[in-house]
Amino acid sequence: MDNRLTHLRSERGLSQAALAELLGVSRQTIISIERGRFDPSLPLAFKLAATFETTIEAIFTPDR
């Protein structure tokens, strides 16, 4: 799954550690999601969307 997480995080001036703390996950989780090695759970995807005030679909797109 492709994602725009790195871009959105950078736009907000958030470090990976700061975003992880906001979401209650580890920095390693954020790194893994950004690199496409880990797909977030649905509750985490909703938290990400709420954090960036957007939709899940605006952050994540399925692989082609």
Protein backbone atom coordinates (compact mmCIF):
# COMPACT_ATOMS: atom_id res chain seq x y z
CA MET A 1 0.00 0.00 0.00
CA ASP A 2 1.35 3.42 -0.95
CA ASN A 3 0.99 6.32 1.45
CA ARG A 4 1.56 10.05 1.82
CA LEU A 5 2.45 9.87 5.50
CA THR A 6 6.00 11.23 5.17
CA HIS A 7 4.74 14.18 3.13
CA LEU A 8 1.89 14.98 5.53
CA ARG A 9 4.14 14.65 8.56
CA SER A 10 6.77 16.94 7.04
CA GLU A 11 4.15 19.54 6.10
CA ARG A 12 3.14 19.73 9.76
CA GLY A 13 6.74 19.90 10.96
CA LEU A 14 6.36 16.69 12.95
CA SER A 15 9.20 14.29 13.60
CA GLN A 16 8.54 10.58 13.45
CA ALA A 17 8.91 10.46 17.23
CA ALA A 18 6.43 13.32 17.76
CA LEU A 19 3.84 11.68 15.50
CA ALA A 20 4.35 8.35 17.23
CA GLU A 21 3.77 9.98 20.61
CA LEU A 22 0.58 11.68 19.37
CA LEU A 23 -0.74 8.34 18.15
CA GLY A 24 0.45 6.21 21.06
CA VAL A 25 2.66 3.98 18.93
CA SER A 26 6.40 3.48 18.60
CA ARG A 27 8.62 5.48 16.28
CA GLN A 28 9.46 2.18 14.59
CA THR A 29 5.77 1.77 13.71
CA ILE A 30 5.76 5.16 11.97
CA ILE A 31 8.98 4.30 10.12
CA SER A 32 7.53 0.97 8.97
CA ILE A 33 4.30 2.56 7.75
CA GLU A 34 6.15 5.32 5.89
CA ARG A 35 8.38 2.77 4.16
CA GLY A 36 5.41 0.60 3.19
CA ARG A 37 6.59 -2.36 5.26
CA PHE A 38 3.59 -2.28 7.59
CA ASP A 39 -0.08 -1.51 6.95
CA PRO A 40 -1.70 0.16 9.94
CA SER A 41 -4.69 -1.31 11.70
CA LEU A 42 -8.01 0.31 10.90
CA PRO A 43 -8.13 2.14 14.27
CA LEU A 44 -4.62 3.50 13.67
CA ALA A 45 -5.52 4.55 10.12
CA PHE A 46 -8.50 6.49 11.53
CA LYS A 47 -6.22 8.15 14.12
CA LEU A 48 -3.82 9.16 11.37
CA ALA A 49 -6.64 10.62 9.29
CA ALA A 50 -7.97 12.57 12.28
CA THR A 51 -4.48 13.83 13.16
CA PHE A 52 -3.99 15.21 9.66
CA GLU A 53 -7.64 16.30 9.30
CA THR A 54 -8.15 14.27 6.16
CA THR A 55 -9.56 10.95 5.04
CA ILE A 56 -7.89 7.56 5.14
CA GLU A 57 -8.13 7.49 1.34
CA ALA A 58 -6.16 10.74 1.14
CA ILE A 59 -3.29 9.11 3.04
CA PHE A 60 -3.30 5.52 1.75
CA THR A 61 -3.77 4.14 -1.75
CA PRO A 62 -3.81 0.46 -2.66
CA ASP A 63 -0.94 -1.04 -4.63
CA ARG A 64 -1.62 -1.27 -8.31
